[in-house]
Amino acid sequence: MARLANDRPDPSHNLPGTTYGLPLSAVISIDALTGAKTLAGSAGSERAVTGLNVMEVPDVLGWVKPHELLVTTGFPLLDTSRRLDVNRMLALVRGLHDAGLAGFAIKLGRYVDEVPESVLALADDLGFPIVQIPDEVAFDDVLKDAYAALNAFQSHVLAQIDALHSALTQIVLEGGDLDQIAAEVSQVLDVGVLVTSTDGREWAGALSDELRASLEVSEFLDVSGRVRVERMRTPRPFGVGEIRALHVAASGTELARLVVLSERRSLRASDVYALERAATVAALDAVSKLGESSQEIGNVVKVITSIAEQTNLLA
């Protein structure tokens, strides 16, 4: 259910955790929001939405949660003379951004005719989306369609995680190697995967020809074919997506790097969770082979286990 912004949130909802939300761009594309348009802050259009909240009171900042899309008629933004309080709206946009909300959606035409240029400029500076909702749209239809889309997305995420979990379990039970594991992760999550030495020498991986070609002409590969993992201490732009390198360590010893390439989109938290689950399954099943495997296989198991322990760094 959606919350009204004068219903105090449950403090337990503010506990840290992974966010599995639908991108804002997808939420504002639902049928109930036909005709909605982003007025400013389009750089944040891929912010994750996990719920909707209806603004019913002026002091809404005490009642919102991260990753919500806040919707309003604009009435709470009026002053005592029934005119838009621009300073209040500026403070609201900044406060919502600081609180980690996904965006702010407003009906124009009934109480507020237009969003002031100063507010739009602030939203653009912050990369915080302000969305115009058509005046004829009913909030109950928006909430119904939005939560249907969110539920469908969550179901897809769970199915994706289960599929990867089952596939990797089968691979390790059949004695599969790191290349096969990387290939399955790549196929299910639609990302490129490389496992390299600590200095970027490729050990295993799964890259499409397109991704391999993009990597070869990028700044992230040197003339010897070494992946420049030292340039990926934080996520770096790669196409319209990103490339990341994860430190893989065990007992304080650096063993490898896990490089994830996503050329068409940024990684979602659901991708990270799927990677974490998959790597954990692979590690647990591979550990049983240590007694009869070579030292090389043992090192592979350590790498996989370390990936399972460290994948949260991708979030």
Protein backbone atom coordinates (compact mmCIF):
# COMPACT_ATOMS: atom_id res chain seq x y z
CA MET A 1 0.00 0.00 0.00
CA ALA A 2 1.08 3.56 -0.60
CA ARG A 3 1.56 5.83 2.40
CA LEU A 4 0.20 9.27 2.96
CA ALA A 5 2.94 11.65 3.97
CA ASN A 6 1.29 12.36 7.32
CA ASP A 7 1.55 8.68 8.32
CA ARG A 8 4.77 8.36 10.32
CA PRO A 9 7.02 5.69 8.81
CA ASP A 10 8.02 2.58 10.68
CA PRO A 11 11.60 3.19 11.96
CA SER A 12 12.53 -0.36 10.95
CA HIS A 13 12.09 0.68 7.32
CA ASN A 14 15.13 2.93 7.65
CA LEU A 15 17.51 0.08 8.41
CA PRO A 16 20.32 -0.19 5.88
CA GLY A 17 19.85 -2.71 3.10
CA THR A 18 19.95 -3.30 -0.59
CA THR A 19 17.46 -1.45 -2.78
CA TYR A 20 15.64 -3.46 -5.44
CA GLY A 21 13.62 -0.80 -7.17
CA LEU A 22 12.24 -0.02 -10.58
CA PRO A 23 13.98 2.85 -12.43
CA LEU A 24 12.03 6.09 -12.27
CA SER A 25 11.99 6.23 -16.06
CA ALA A 26 10.02 2.98 -16.07
CA VAL A 27 7.62 4.12 -13.34
CA ILE A 28 6.62 7.28 -15.21
CA SER A 29 5.99 5.18 -18.31
CA ILE A 30 3.10 3.23 -16.75
CA ASP A 31 -0.33 3.58 -18.37
CA ALA A 32 -1.75 5.74 -15.55
CA LEU A 33 0.97 8.32 -16.15
CA THR A 34 0.53 8.64 -19.90
CA GLY A 35 1.48 12.20 -20.74
CA ALA A 36 3.79 12.65 -17.75
CA LYS A 37 7.06 14.39 -18.54
CA THR A 38 10.28 15.14 -16.73
CA LEU A 39 10.65 18.90 -16.29
CA ALA A 40 14.12 18.88 -14.73
CA GLY A 41 16.72 16.61 -13.17
CA SER A 42 16.70 14.10 -16.01
CA ALA A 43 20.19 12.95 -15.00
CA GLY A 44 18.49 11.09 -12.16
CA SER A 45 15.95 9.31 -14.34
CA GLU A 46 17.38 5.89 -13.44
CA ARG A 47 17.01 6.38 -9.68
CA ALA A 48 15.43 3.32 -8.08
CA VAL A 49 11.80 3.59 -6.96
CA THR A 50 10.63 1.18 -4.26
CA GLY A 51 7.39 2.92 -3.31
CA LEU A 52 5.16 5.96 -3.71
CA ASN A 53 4.18 8.56 -1.14
CA VAL A 54 1.46 11.20 -1.35
CA MET A 55 2.31 14.66 0.00
CA GLU A 56 -0.54 15.85 2.21
CA VAL A 57 1.29 18.20 4.61
CA PRO A 58 3.80 21.03 4.11
CA ASP A 59 6.40 19.58 6.50
CA VAL A 60 6.69 16.38 4.48
CA LEU A 61 10.43 15.86 5.02
CA GLY A 62 9.78 14.24 8.39
CA TRP A 63 7.61 11.58 6.78
CA VAL A 64 9.41 10.40 3.66
CA LYS A 65 11.73 7.47 3.03
CA PRO A 66 14.60 6.92 0.60
CA HIS A 67 13.75 5.67 -2.89
CA GLU A 68 10.16 6.88 -2.81
CA LEU A 69 8.51 8.87 -5.56
CA LEU A 70 6.66 11.70 -3.85
CA VAL A 71 3.51 12.85 -5.64
CA THR A 72 1.40 15.91 -4.89
CA THR A 73 -1.30 18.21 -6.20
CA GLY A 74 0.87 21.13 -5.10
CA PHE A 75 -1.65 22.36 -2.52
CA PRO A 76 0.72 21.89 0.48
CA LEU A 77 3.18 24.25 -1.26
CA LEU A 78 0.84 27.25 -1.17
CA ASP A 79 1.24 30.08 1.32
CA THR A 80 -1.57 31.69 3.31
CA SER A 81 -2.56 33.79 0.30
CA ARG A 82 -2.91 30.61 -1.80
CA ARG A 83 0.19 31.43 -3.86
CA LEU A 84 3.10 29.12 -4.48
CA ASP A 85 5.80 29.54 -1.82
CA VAL A 86 8.91 29.34 -3.99
CA ASN A 87 11.33 29.23 -1.07
CA ARG A 88 9.39 26.36 0.46
CA MET A 89 9.55 24.47 -2.84
CA LEU A 90 13.29 25.08 -3.17
CA ALA A 91 13.84 23.78 0.35
CA LEU A 92 11.61 20.79 -0.38
CA VAL A 93 13.49 19.76 -3.53
CA ARG A 94 16.84 20.01 -1.79
CA GLY A 95 15.51 18.13 1.23
CA LEU A 96 14.01 15.35 -0.85
CA HIS A 97 17.27 14.96 -2.72
CA ASP A 98 19.25 14.84 0.52
CA ALA A 99 16.81 12.26 1.90
CA GLY A 100 17.51 9.98 -1.06
CA LEU A 101 14.12 10.08 -2.73
CA ALA A 102 13.79 8.96 -6.34
CA GLY A 103 11.90 12.03 -7.52
CA PHE A 104 9.08 14.50 -7.07
CA ALA A 105 5.92 14.42 -9.19
CA ILE A 106 3.42 17.27 -9.24
CA LYS A 107 0.09 17.99 -10.89
CA LEU A 108 0.09 21.37 -12.56
CA GLY A 109 -2.92 23.48 -13.36
CA ARG A 110 -5.11 23.11 -10.30
CA TYR A 111 -3.13 24.68 -7.46
CA VAL A 112 0.25 25.36 -9.08
CA ASP A 113 0.40 26.65 -12.65
CA GLU A 114 4.09 26.05 -13.27
CA VAL A 115 7.31 25.09 -11.53
CA PRO A 116 9.51 28.19 -11.09
CA GLU A 117 12.72 28.37 -13.10
CA SER A 118 14.77 28.59 -9.91
CA VAL A 119 13.35 25.25 -8.75
CA LEU A 120 13.97 23.61 -12.11
CA ALA A 121 17.54 24.90 -12.13
CA LEU A 122 18.17 23.47 -8.67
CA ALA A 123 16.74 20.11 -9.72
CA ASP A 124 19.03 20.06 -12.76
CA ASP A 125 22.04 20.91 -10.60
CA LEU A 126 21.18 18.08 -8.19
CA GLY A 127 20.15 15.58 -10.84
CA PHE A 128 16.89 15.22 -8.92
CA PRO A 129 13.90 14.55 -11.21
CA ILE A 130 10.80 16.74 -11.14
CA VAL A 131 7.96 15.14 -13.09
CA GLN A 132 4.77 16.80 -14.28
CA ILE A 133 1.66 14.63 -13.88
CA PRO A 134 -1.28 15.43 -16.17
CA ASP A 135 -4.07 17.20 -14.30
CA GLU A 136 -6.68 14.61 -15.26
CA VAL A 137 -4.73 11.71 -13.73
CA ALA A 138 -6.23 10.17 -10.60
CA PHE A 139 -3.76 9.31 -7.85
CA ASP A 140 -5.49 5.99 -7.08
CA ASP A 141 -4.87 4.88 -10.68
CA VAL A 142 -1.23 5.97 -10.42
CA LEU A 143 -0.73 4.02 -7.20
CA LYS A 144 -2.44 0.91 -8.56
CA ASP A 145 -0.48 0.81 -11.81
CA ALA A 146 2.82 1.76 -10.19
CA TYR A 147 2.63 -0.95 -7.56
CA ALA A 148 1.62 -3.49 -10.20
CA ALA A 149 4.78 -2.58 -12.13
CA LEU A 150 6.90 -2.73 -8.96
CA ASN A 151 5.50 -6.15 -8.04
CA ALA A 152 6.17 -7.46 -11.54
CA PHE A 153 9.74 -6.18 -11.32
CA GLN A 154 10.28 -7.84 -7.95
CA SER A 155 8.97 -11.12 -9.35
CA HIS A 156 11.41 -10.83 -12.25
CA VAL A 157 14.30 -10.20 -9.86
CA LEU A 158 13.43 -13.24 -7.76
CA ALA A 159 13.10 -15.42 -10.86
CA GLN A 160 16.47 -14.14 -12.11
CA ILE A 161 18.16 -14.89 -8.81
CA ASP A 162 16.63 -18.37 -8.59
CA ALA A 163 17.62 -19.17 -12.18
CA LEU A 164 21.21 -18.14 -11.55
CA HIS A 165 21.29 -19.99 -8.24
CA SER A 166 20.07 -23.23 -9.85
CA ALA A 167 22.30 -22.97 -12.90
CA LEU A 168 25.48 -22.36 -10.91
CA THR A 169 24.66 -25.12 -8.48
CA GLN A 170 24.44 -27.51 -11.42
CA ILE A 171 27.71 -26.23 -12.88
CA VAL A 172 29.70 -26.76 -9.70
CA LEU A 173 28.11 -30.17 -9.05
CA GLU A 174 29.29 -31.24 -12.49
CA GLY A 175 32.82 -30.00 -11.84
CA GLY A 176 32.57 -26.78 -13.85
CA ASP A 177 35.32 -24.21 -13.87
CA LEU A 178 35.47 -20.44 -13.41
CA ASP A 179 34.95 -19.78 -17.13
CA GLN A 180 31.62 -21.64 -17.02
CA ILE A 181 30.57 -19.77 -13.90
CA ALA A 182 31.44 -16.43 -15.49
CA ALA A 183 29.52 -17.39 -18.63
CA GLU A 184 26.38 -18.24 -16.67
CA VAL A 185 26.52 -15.01 -14.67
CA SER A 186 27.06 -13.05 -17.87
CA GLN A 187 24.11 -14.68 -19.62
CA VAL A 188 21.60 -14.34 -16.78
CA LEU A 189 22.53 -10.81 -15.70
CA ASP A 190 23.38 -9.52 -19.18
CA VAL A 191 26.77 -8.16 -18.14
CA GLY A 192 30.35 -8.91 -19.09
CA VAL A 193 32.45 -10.68 -16.47
CA LEU A 194 36.21 -11.03 -16.12
CA VAL A 195 38.25 -12.55 -13.32
CA THR A 196 41.80 -11.22 -13.36
CA SER A 197 44.94 -11.33 -11.29
CA THR A 198 45.47 -8.49 -8.86
CA ASP A 199 47.37 -6.58 -11.55
CA GLY A 200 44.70 -7.18 -14.21
CA ARG A 201 45.89 -10.26 -16.11
CA GLU A 202 42.82 -12.13 -17.35
CA TRP A 203 42.24 -15.56 -15.82
CA ALA A 204 38.68 -16.28 -16.91
CA GLY A 205 35.69 -14.47 -18.23
CA ALA A 206 32.68 -14.11 -20.44
CA LEU A 207 32.54 -11.14 -22.81
CA SER A 208 30.54 -10.75 -26.00
CA ASP A 209 32.50 -9.81 -29.11
CA GLU A 210 30.94 -6.36 -28.84
CA LEU A 211 32.04 -5.89 -25.23
CA ARG A 212 35.50 -7.27 -25.98
CA ALA A 213 35.89 -4.79 -28.85
CA SER A 214 34.72 -1.91 -26.65
CA LEU A 215 37.17 -2.90 -23.93
CA GLU A 216 40.06 -3.15 -26.40
CA VAL A 217 39.62 0.46 -27.57
CA SER A 218 38.97 1.84 -24.11
CA GLU A 219 41.34 3.33 -21.57
CA PHE A 220 40.88 0.24 -19.42
CA LEU A 221 43.10 -2.11 -21.43
CA ASP A 222 46.81 -1.56 -22.03
CA VAL A 223 48.81 -2.67 -25.08
CA SER A 224 49.82 -5.94 -23.40
CA GLY A 225 46.17 -6.92 -22.86
CA ARG A 226 46.24 -6.20 -19.14
CA VAL A 227 43.02 -4.82 -17.68
CA ARG A 228 43.84 -1.58 -15.90
CA VAL A 229 42.04 -2.46 -12.69
CA GLU A 230 43.84 0.33 -10.86
CA ARG A 231 41.67 2.80 -12.80
CA MET A 232 38.50 1.23 -11.45
CA ARG A 233 38.71 1.99 -7.75
CA THR A 234 35.26 3.48 -8.24
CA PRO A 235 32.71 2.71 -11.00
CA ARG A 236 33.75 4.35 -14.26
CA PRO A 237 31.65 5.25 -17.31
CA PHE A 238 31.63 2.58 -20.01
CA GLY A 239 29.38 3.31 -22.97
CA VAL A 240 26.18 4.54 -21.38
CA GLY A 241 26.73 2.12 -18.52
CA GLU A 242 29.69 1.39 -16.28
CA ILE A 243 32.71 -0.78 -15.56
CA ARG A 244 33.78 -1.79 -12.05
CA ALA A 245 36.62 -3.78 -10.53
CA LEU A 246 36.06 -5.59 -7.25
CA HIS A 247 38.90 -6.47 -4.88
CA VAL A 248 38.85 -10.21 -4.20
CA ALA A 249 40.63 -11.06 -0.96
CA ALA A 250 40.71 -13.84 1.61
CA SER A 251 42.24 -13.70 5.08
CA GLY A 252 43.69 -10.29 4.28
CA THR A 253 45.41 -11.51 1.12
CA GLU A 254 44.52 -10.04 -2.26
CA LEU A 255 43.80 -12.86 -4.69
CA ALA A 256 42.15 -11.41 -7.76
CA ARG A 257 39.86 -8.78 -9.23
CA LEU A 258 36.32 -9.28 -10.43
CA VAL A 259 35.64 -6.92 -13.34
CA VAL A 260 32.03 -6.31 -14.33
CA LEU A 261 31.25 -4.57 -17.63
CA SER A 262 27.77 -3.19 -18.32
CA GLU A 263 27.88 -1.10 -21.47
CA ARG A 264 24.16 -0.34 -21.84
CA ARG A 265 23.11 0.43 -18.26
CA SER A 266 24.33 0.98 -14.73
CA LEU A 267 24.30 -2.01 -12.43
CA ARG A 268 21.18 -2.40 -10.33
CA ALA A 269 21.18 -3.49 -6.72
CA SER A 270 19.27 -6.58 -7.81
CA ASP A 271 22.23 -7.52 -10.03
CA VAL A 272 24.50 -7.25 -7.02
CA TYR A 273 22.24 -9.44 -4.92
CA ALA A 274 22.08 -12.06 -7.66
CA LEU A 275 25.88 -12.04 -7.93
CA GLU A 276 26.19 -12.44 -4.18
CA ARG A 277 23.80 -15.37 -4.05
CA ALA A 278 25.35 -17.04 -7.08
CA ALA A 279 28.91 -16.68 -5.81
CA THR A 280 27.93 -18.00 -2.39
CA VAL A 281 26.36 -21.12 -3.93
CA ALA A 282 29.41 -21.69 -6.13
CA ALA A 283 31.75 -21.35 -3.17
CA LEU A 284 29.81 -23.68 -0.89
CA ASP A 285 29.53 -26.41 -3.51
CA ALA A 286 33.15 -26.08 -4.65
CA VAL A 287 34.60 -26.31 -1.13
CA SER A 288 33.76 -30.03 -1.01
CA LYS A 289 36.21 -30.63 -3.87
CA LEU A 290 39.27 -29.34 -2.02
CA GLY A 291 40.30 -32.74 -0.71
CA GLU A 292 40.60 -34.25 -4.17
CA SER A 293 41.45 -31.24 -6.29
CA SER A 294 44.71 -29.68 -7.28
CA GLN A 295 46.00 -26.51 -5.65
CA GLU A 296 44.86 -24.61 -8.74
CA ILE A 297 41.24 -25.64 -8.16
CA GLY A 298 41.65 -24.76 -4.52
CA ASN A 299 42.69 -21.25 -5.49
CA VAL A 300 39.66 -20.98 -7.75
CA VAL A 301 37.41 -21.89 -4.82
CA LYS A 302 39.09 -19.19 -2.72
CA VAL A 303 38.45 -16.66 -5.46
CA ILE A 304 34.78 -17.61 -5.71
CA THR A 305 34.36 -17.53 -1.93
CA SER A 306 35.99 -14.11 -1.77
CA ILE A 307 33.68 -12.85 -4.50
CA ALA A 308 30.72 -13.99 -2.41
CA GLU A 309 32.09 -12.12 0.59
CA GLN A 310 32.95 -8.93 -1.30
CA THR A 311 30.21 -8.45 -3.91
CA ASN A 312 28.42 -5.97 -1.68
CA LEU A 313 31.14 -3.51 -2.72
CA LEU A 314 29.39 -3.34 -6.10
CA ALA A 315 26.36 -1.60 -4.53
